[in-house]
Amino acid sequence: GGAITLAAPSVAGDYTMVIQITNNGSAGAITLSGFSRTGGDGFTTVNGDDFLVYIAKVNGFTHATVVALQ
């Protein structure tokens, strides 16, 4: 619950990751910070809404794509 900021990864190297976010009854705004580029769906604050955030870091560039699952 509550508002969060998801910052771009800063660990050296090239890699990808997938993060699942599930809202609860006290969900707040979700902010993406420090990414070279972002895309996809917008976040909501509805209880029970789920999202996958696909993150890639290659040659110092970072990209996040948000996929709403509802």
PDB file of N, CA and C in Angstrom:
ATOM      1  N   GLY A   1       0.812  -1.196   0.000  1.00  0.00           N
ATOM      2  CA  GLY A   1       0.000   0.000   0.000  1.00  0.00           C
ATOM      3  C   GLY A   1       0.849   1.251   0.000  1.00  0.00           C
ATOM      4  N   GLY A   2       0.240   2.345  -0.339  1.00  0.00           N
ATOM      5  CA  GLY A   2       0.932   3.626  -0.351  1.00  0.00           C
ATOM      6  C   GLY A   2       1.590   3.911  -1.679  1.00  0.00           C
ATOM      7  N   ALA A   3       2.039   5.129  -1.827  1.00  0.00           N
ATOM      8  CA  ALA A   3       2.714   5.554  -3.056  1.00  0.00           C
ATOM      9  C   ALA A   3       4.141   5.009  -3.085  1.00  0.00           C
ATOM     10  N   ILE A   4       4.602   4.632  -4.281  1.00  0.00           N
ATOM     11  CA  ILE A   4       5.990   4.157  -4.438  1.00  0.00           C
ATOM     12  C   ILE A   4       6.606   4.775  -5.676  1.00  0.00           C
ATOM     13  N   THR A   5       7.929   4.820  -5.676  1.00  0.00           N
ATOM     14  CA  THR A   5       8.695   5.203  -6.862  1.00  0.00           C
ATOM     15  C   THR A   5       9.573   4.024  -7.227  1.00  0.00           C
ATOM     16  N   LEU A   6       9.482   3.589  -8.474  1.00  0.00           N
ATOM     17  CA  LEU A   6      10.300   2.495  -8.984  1.00  0.00           C
ATOM     18  C   LEU A   6      11.416   3.124  -9.806  1.00  0.00           C
ATOM     19  N   ALA A   7      12.641   3.066  -9.293  1.00  0.00           N
ATOM     20  CA  ALA A   7      13.785   3.704  -9.939  1.00  0.00           C
ATOM     21  C   ALA A   7      14.449   2.761 -10.934  1.00  0.00           C
ATOM     22  N   ALA A   8      15.028   3.347 -11.969  1.00  0.00           N
ATOM     23  CA  ALA A   8      15.766   2.576 -12.971  1.00  0.00           C
ATOM     24  C   ALA A   8      16.944   1.868 -12.298  1.00  0.00           C
ATOM     25  N   PRO A   9      17.258   0.653 -12.731  1.00  0.00           N
ATOM     26  CA  PRO A   9      18.383  -0.071 -12.139  1.00  0.00           C
ATOM     27  C   PRO A   9      19.705   0.616 -12.463  1.00  0.00           C
ATOM     28  N   SER A  10      20.645   0.530 -11.515  1.00  0.00           N
ATOM     29  CA  SER A  10      21.937   1.186 -11.708  1.00  0.00           C
ATOM     30  C   SER A  10      23.126   0.230 -11.606  1.00  0.00           C
ATOM     31  N   VAL A  11      22.867  -1.041 -11.327  1.00  0.00           N
ATOM     32  CA  VAL A  11      23.941  -2.025 -11.243  1.00  0.00           C
ATOM     33  C   VAL A  11      24.532  -2.228 -12.633  1.00  0.00           C
ATOM     34  N   ALA A  12      25.858  -2.327 -12.715  1.00  0.00           N
ATOM     35  CA  ALA A  12      26.550  -2.476 -14.001  1.00  0.00           C
ATOM     36  C   ALA A  12      26.100  -3.726 -14.735  1.00  0.00           C
ATOM     37  N   GLY A  13      26.182  -3.675 -16.062  1.00  0.00           N
ATOM     38  CA  GLY A  13      25.866  -4.835 -16.883  1.00  0.00           C
ATOM     39  C   GLY A  13      24.599  -4.640 -17.687  1.00  0.00           C
ATOM     40  N   ASP A  14      24.313  -5.618 -18.525  1.00  0.00           N
ATOM     41  CA  ASP A  14      23.110  -5.649 -19.347  1.00  0.00           C
ATOM     42  C   ASP A  14      22.224  -6.773 -18.814  1.00  0.00           C
ATOM     43  N   TYR A  15      20.938  -6.487 -18.625  1.00  0.00           N
ATOM     44  CA  TYR A  15      20.041  -7.488 -18.070  1.00  0.00           C
ATOM     45  C   TYR A  15      18.594  -7.061 -18.253  1.00  0.00           C
ATOM     46  N   THR A  16      17.681  -7.998 -17.975  1.00  0.00           N
ATOM     47  CA  THR A  16      16.243  -7.721 -17.984  1.00  0.00           C
ATOM     48  C   THR A  16      15.642  -8.258 -16.693  1.00  0.00           C
ATOM     49  N   MET A  17      14.481  -7.721 -16.344  1.00  0.00           N
ATOM     50  CA  MET A  17      13.752  -8.221 -15.181  1.00  0.00           C
ATOM     51  C   MET A  17      12.270  -7.948 -15.370  1.00  0.00           C
ATOM     52  N   VAL A  18      11.459  -8.702 -14.656  1.00  0.00           N
ATOM     53  CA  VAL A  18      10.014  -8.515 -14.661  1.00  0.00           C
ATOM     54  C   VAL A  18       9.569  -8.372 -13.212  1.00  0.00           C
ATOM     55  N   ILE A  19       8.776  -7.326 -12.945  1.00  0.00           N
ATOM     56  CA  ILE A  19       8.273  -7.071 -11.598  1.00  0.00           C
ATOM     57  C   ILE A  19       6.748  -7.114 -11.637  1.00  0.00           C
ATOM     58  N   GLN A  20       6.140  -7.834 -10.692  1.00  0.00           N
ATOM     59  CA  GLN A  20       4.684  -7.837 -10.564  1.00  0.00           C
ATOM     60  C   GLN A  20       4.303  -6.894  -9.441  1.00  0.00           C
ATOM     61  N   ILE A  21       3.314  -6.037  -9.709  1.00  0.00           N
ATOM     62  CA  ILE A  21       2.781  -5.121  -8.705  1.00  0.00           C
ATOM     63  C   ILE A  21       1.299  -5.417  -8.558  1.00  0.00           C
ATOM     64  N   THR A  22       0.851  -5.603  -7.315  1.00  0.00           N
ATOM     65  CA  THR A  22      -0.561  -5.815  -7.019  1.00  0.00           C
ATOM     66  C   THR A  22      -1.011  -4.747  -6.036  1.00  0.00           C
ATOM     67  N   ASN A  23      -2.023  -3.987  -6.409  1.00  0.00           N
ATOM     68  CA  ASN A  23      -2.557  -2.950  -5.524  1.00  0.00           C
ATOM     69  C   ASN A  23      -3.354  -3.571  -4.383  1.00  0.00           C
ATOM     70  N   ASN A  24      -3.309  -2.882  -3.228  1.00  0.00           N
ATOM     71  CA  ASN A  24      -4.187  -3.266  -2.127  1.00  0.00           C
ATOM     72  C   ASN A  24      -5.122  -2.096  -1.822  1.00  0.00           C
ATOM     73  N   GLY A  25      -5.865  -2.180  -0.754  1.00  0.00           N
ATOM     74  CA  GLY A  25      -6.870  -1.184  -0.428  1.00  0.00           C
ATOM     75  C   GLY A  25      -6.331   0.217  -0.178  1.00  0.00           C
ATOM     76  N   SER A  26      -5.034   0.336   0.121  1.00  0.00           N
ATOM     77  CA  SER A  26      -4.445   1.656   0.362  1.00  0.00           C
ATOM     78  C   SER A  26      -3.432   2.022  -0.726  1.00  0.00           C
ATOM     79  N   ALA A  27      -3.661   1.514  -1.940  1.00  0.00           N
ATOM     80  CA  ALA A  27      -2.736   1.763  -3.050  1.00  0.00           C
ATOM     81  C   ALA A  27      -2.607   3.258  -3.335  1.00  0.00           C
ATOM     82  N   GLY A  28      -1.388   3.692  -3.571  1.00  0.00           N
ATOM     83  CA  GLY A  28      -1.114   5.077  -3.944  1.00  0.00           C
ATOM     84  C   GLY A  28      -0.503   5.128  -5.330  1.00  0.00           C
ATOM     85  N   ALA A  29      -0.130   6.309  -5.755  1.00  0.00           N
ATOM     86  CA  ALA A  29       0.455   6.495  -7.090  1.00  0.00           C
ATOM     87  C   ALA A  29       1.778   5.746  -7.212  1.00  0.00           C
ATOM     88  N   ILE A  30       2.030   5.193  -8.391  1.00  0.00           N
ATOM     89  CA  ILE A  30       3.292   4.537  -8.708  1.00  0.00           C
ATOM     90  C   ILE A  30       3.997   5.389  -9.745  1.00  0.00           C
ATOM     91  N   THR A  31       5.236   5.761  -9.457  1.00  0.00           N
ATOM     92  CA  THR A  31       6.015   6.623 -10.332  1.00  0.00           C
ATOM     93  C   THR A  31       7.250   5.875 -10.822  1.00  0.00           C
ATOM     94  N   LEU A  32       7.562   5.989 -12.108  1.00  0.00           N
ATOM     95  CA  LEU A  32       8.797   5.441 -12.672  1.00  0.00           C
ATOM     96  C   LEU A  32       9.806   6.579 -12.744  1.00  0.00           C
ATOM     97  N   SER A  33      11.031   6.336 -12.262  1.00  0.00           N
ATOM     98  CA  SER A  33      12.020   7.401 -12.179  1.00  0.00           C
ATOM     99  C   SER A  33      13.358   6.980 -12.774  1.00  0.00           C
ATOM    100  N   GLY A  34      13.970   7.854 -13.554  1.00  0.00           N
ATOM    101  CA  GLY A  34      15.336   7.644 -14.029  1.00  0.00           C
ATOM    102  C   GLY A  34      15.490   6.757 -15.242  1.00  0.00           C
ATOM    103  N   PHE A  35      14.399   6.339 -15.870  1.00  0.00           N
ATOM    104  CA  PHE A  35      14.490   5.481 -17.046  1.00  0.00           C
ATOM    105  C   PHE A  35      14.776   6.321 -18.284  1.00  0.00           C
ATOM    106  N   SER A  36      15.530   5.758 -19.228  1.00  0.00           N
ATOM    107  CA  SER A  36      15.778   6.435 -20.506  1.00  0.00           C
ATOM    108  C   SER A  36      14.480   6.603 -21.276  1.00  0.00           C
ATOM    109  N   ARG A  37      13.599   5.614 -21.151  1.00  0.00           N
ATOM    110  CA  ARG A  37      12.317   5.636 -21.851  1.00  0.00           C
ATOM    111  C   ARG A  37      11.340   4.717 -21.125  1.00  0.00           C
ATOM    112  N   THR A  38      10.061   5.089 -21.131  1.00  0.00           N
ATOM    113  CA  THR A  38       9.016   4.235 -20.567  1.00  0.00           C
ATOM    114  C   THR A  38       7.873   4.132 -21.565  1.00  0.00           C
ATOM    115  N   GLY A  39       7.051   3.108 -21.410  1.00  0.00           N
ATOM    116  CA  GLY A  39       5.916   2.947 -22.308  1.00  0.00           C
ATOM    117  C   GLY A  39       4.906   1.983 -21.722  1.00  0.00           C
ATOM    118  N   GLY A  40       3.835   1.810 -22.462  1.00  0.00           N
ATOM    119  CA  GLY A  40       2.811   0.854 -22.051  1.00  0.00           C
ATOM    120  C   GLY A  40       1.637   1.510 -21.373  1.00  0.00           C
ATOM    121  N   ASP A  41       0.985   0.741 -20.519  1.00  0.00           N
ATOM    122  CA  ASP A  41      -0.230   1.175 -19.833  1.00  0.00           C
ATOM    123  C   ASP A  41       0.092   2.088 -18.658  1.00  0.00           C
ATOM    124  N   GLY A  42      -0.917   2.810 -18.214  1.00  0.00           N
ATOM    125  CA  GLY A  42      -0.784   3.618 -17.012  1.00  0.00           C
ATOM    126  C   GLY A  42      -1.131   2.806 -15.779  1.00  0.00           C
ATOM    127  N   PHE A  43      -0.585   3.213 -14.635  1.00  0.00           N
ATOM    128  CA  PHE A  43      -0.917   2.576 -13.368  1.00  0.00           C
ATOM    129  C   PHE A  43      -2.244   3.135 -12.856  1.00  0.00           C
ATOM    130  N   THR A  44      -2.977   2.318 -12.118  1.00  0.00           N
ATOM    131  CA  THR A  44      -4.186   2.760 -11.431  1.00  0.00           C
ATOM    132  C   THR A  44      -3.985   2.548  -9.935  1.00  0.00           C
ATOM    133  N   THR A  45      -4.927   3.002  -9.145  1.00  0.00           N
ATOM    134  CA  THR A  45      -4.863   2.775  -7.697  1.00  0.00           C
ATOM    135  C   THR A  45      -6.048   1.938  -7.210  1.00  0.00           C
ATOM    136  N   VAL A  46      -6.657   1.178  -8.106  1.00  0.00           N
ATOM    137  CA  VAL A  46      -7.817   0.347  -7.764  1.00  0.00           C
ATOM    138  C   VAL A  46      -7.361  -0.905  -7.009  1.00  0.00           C
ATOM    139  N   ASN A  47      -8.005  -1.179  -5.897  1.00  0.00           N
ATOM    140  CA  ASN A  47      -7.691  -2.359  -5.090  1.00  0.00           C
ATOM    141  C   ASN A  47      -7.782  -3.621  -5.949  1.00  0.00           C
ATOM    142  N   GLY A  48      -6.736  -4.447  -5.920  1.00  0.00           N
ATOM    143  CA  GLY A  48      -6.718  -5.706  -6.656  1.00  0.00           C
ATOM    144  C   GLY A  48      -6.176  -5.618  -8.066  1.00  0.00           C
ATOM    145  N   ASP A  49      -5.979  -4.409  -8.602  1.00  0.00           N
ATOM    146  CA  ASP A  49      -5.397  -4.302  -9.948  1.00  0.00           C
ATOM    147  C   ASP A  49      -3.955  -4.802  -9.934  1.00  0.00           C
ATOM    148  N   ASP A  50      -3.583  -5.521 -11.010  1.00  0.00           N
ATOM    149  CA  ASP A  50      -2.236  -6.096 -11.137  1.00  0.00           C
ATOM    150  C   ASP A  50      -1.544  -5.554 -12.368  1.00  0.00           C
ATOM    151  N   PHE A  51      -0.211  -5.479 -12.282  1.00  0.00           N
ATOM    152  CA  PHE A  51       0.612  -4.973 -13.383  1.00  0.00           C
ATOM    153  C   PHE A  51       1.894  -5.788 -13.461  1.00  0.00           C
ATOM    154  N   LEU A  52       2.407  -5.943 -14.673  1.00  0.00           N
ATOM    155  CA  LEU A  52       3.761  -6.436 -14.871  1.00  0.00           C
ATOM    156  C   LEU A  52       4.568  -5.273 -15.414  1.00  0.00           C
ATOM    157  N   VAL A  53       5.772  -5.087 -14.877  1.00  0.00           N
ATOM    158  CA  VAL A  53       6.685  -4.054 -15.362  1.00  0.00           C
ATOM    159  C   VAL A  53       7.904  -4.775 -15.916  1.00  0.00           C
ATOM    160  N   TYR A  54       8.096  -4.676 -17.231  1.00  0.00           N
ATOM    161  CA  TYR A  54       9.245  -5.276 -17.914  1.00  0.00           C
ATOM    162  C   TYR A  54      10.339  -4.224 -17.996  1.00  0.00           C
ATOM    163  N   ILE A  55      11.508  -4.550 -17.456  1.00  0.00           N
ATOM    164  CA  ILE A  55      12.620  -3.597 -17.413  1.00  0.00           C
ATOM    165  C   ILE A  55      13.817  -4.201 -18.131  1.00  0.00           C
ATOM    166  N   ALA A  56      14.430  -3.412 -19.004  1.00  0.00           N
ATOM    167  CA  ALA A  56      15.648  -3.834 -19.704  1.00  0.00           C
ATOM    168  C   ALA A  56      16.721  -2.776 -19.512  1.00  0.00           C
ATOM    169  N   LYS A  57      17.962  -3.221 -19.298  1.00  0.00           N
ATOM    170  CA  LYS A  57      19.118  -2.322 -19.219  1.00  0.00           C
ATOM    171  C   LYS A  57      20.170  -2.848 -20.184  1.00  0.00           C
ATOM    172  N   VAL A  58      20.478  -2.054 -21.208  1.00  0.00           N
ATOM    173  CA  VAL A  58      21.442  -2.449 -22.235  1.00  0.00           C
ATOM    174  C   VAL A  58      22.293  -1.233 -22.593  1.00  0.00           C
ATOM    175  N   ASN A  59      23.611  -1.399 -22.541  1.00  0.00           N
ATOM    176  CA  ASN A  59      24.558  -0.331 -22.893  1.00  0.00           C
ATOM    177  C   ASN A  59      24.252   0.985 -22.184  1.00  0.00           C
ATOM    178  N   GLY A  60      23.823   0.893 -20.931  1.00  0.00           N
ATOM    179  CA  GLY A  60      23.561   2.073 -20.129  1.00  0.00           C
ATOM    180  C   GLY A  60      22.176   2.666 -20.299  1.00  0.00           C
ATOM    181  N   PHE A  61      21.411   2.194 -21.277  1.00  0.00           N
ATOM    182  CA  PHE A  61      20.038   2.663 -21.459  1.00  0.00           C
ATOM    183  C   PHE A  61      19.084   1.776 -20.670  1.00  0.00           C
ATOM    184  N   THR A  62      18.046   2.392 -20.107  1.00  0.00           N
ATOM    185  CA  THR A  62      17.055   1.630 -19.356  1.00  0.00           C
ATOM    186  C   THR A  62      15.667   1.916 -19.912  1.00  0.00           C
ATOM    187  N   HIS A  63      14.882   0.851 -20.029  1.00  0.00           N
ATOM    188  CA  HIS A  63      13.525   0.981 -20.561  1.00  0.00           C
ATOM    189  C   HIS A  63      12.578   0.191 -19.688  1.00  0.00           C
ATOM    190  N   ALA A  64      11.397   0.765 -19.421  1.00  0.00           N
ATOM    191  CA  ALA A  64      10.355   0.068 -18.652  1.00  0.00           C
ATOM    192  C   ALA A  64       9.063   0.090 -19.445  1.00  0.00           C
ATOM    193  N   THR A  65       8.420  -1.061 -19.541  1.00  0.00           N
ATOM    194  CA  THR A  65       7.108  -1.183 -20.165  1.00  0.00           C
ATOM    195  C   THR A  65       6.128  -1.713 -19.131  1.00  0.00           C
ATOM    196  N   VAL A  66       5.023  -1.004 -18.948  1.00  0.00           N
ATOM    197  CA  VAL A  66       3.996  -1.382 -17.974  1.00  0.00           C
ATOM    198  C   VAL A  66       2.855  -2.084 -18.714  1.00  0.00           C
ATOM    199  N   VAL A  67       2.444  -3.254 -18.199  1.00  0.00           N
ATOM    200  CA  VAL A  67       1.321  -3.987 -18.759  1.00  0.00           C
ATOM    201  C   VAL A  67       0.275  -4.167 -17.659  1.00  0.00           C
ATOM    202  N   ALA A  68      -0.903  -3.564 -17.864  1.00  0.00           N
ATOM    203  CA  ALA A  68      -2.008  -3.747 -16.927  1.00  0.00           C
ATOM    204  C   ALA A  68      -2.638  -5.116 -17.180  1.00  0.00           C
ATOM    205  N   LEU A  69      -2.919  -5.860 -16.138  1.00  0.00           N
ATOM    206  CA  LEU A  69      -3.425  -7.228 -16.275  1.00  0.00           C
ATOM    207  C   LEU A  69      -4.926  -7.339 -16.028  1.00  0.00           C
ATOM    208  N   GLN A  70      -5.660  -6.250 -16.060  1.00  0.00           N
ATOM    209  CA  GLN A  70      -7.100  -6.302 -15.871  1.00  0.00           C
ATOM    210  C   GLN A  70      -7.807  -5.705 -17.063  1.00  0.00           C
TER     211      GLN A  70
END
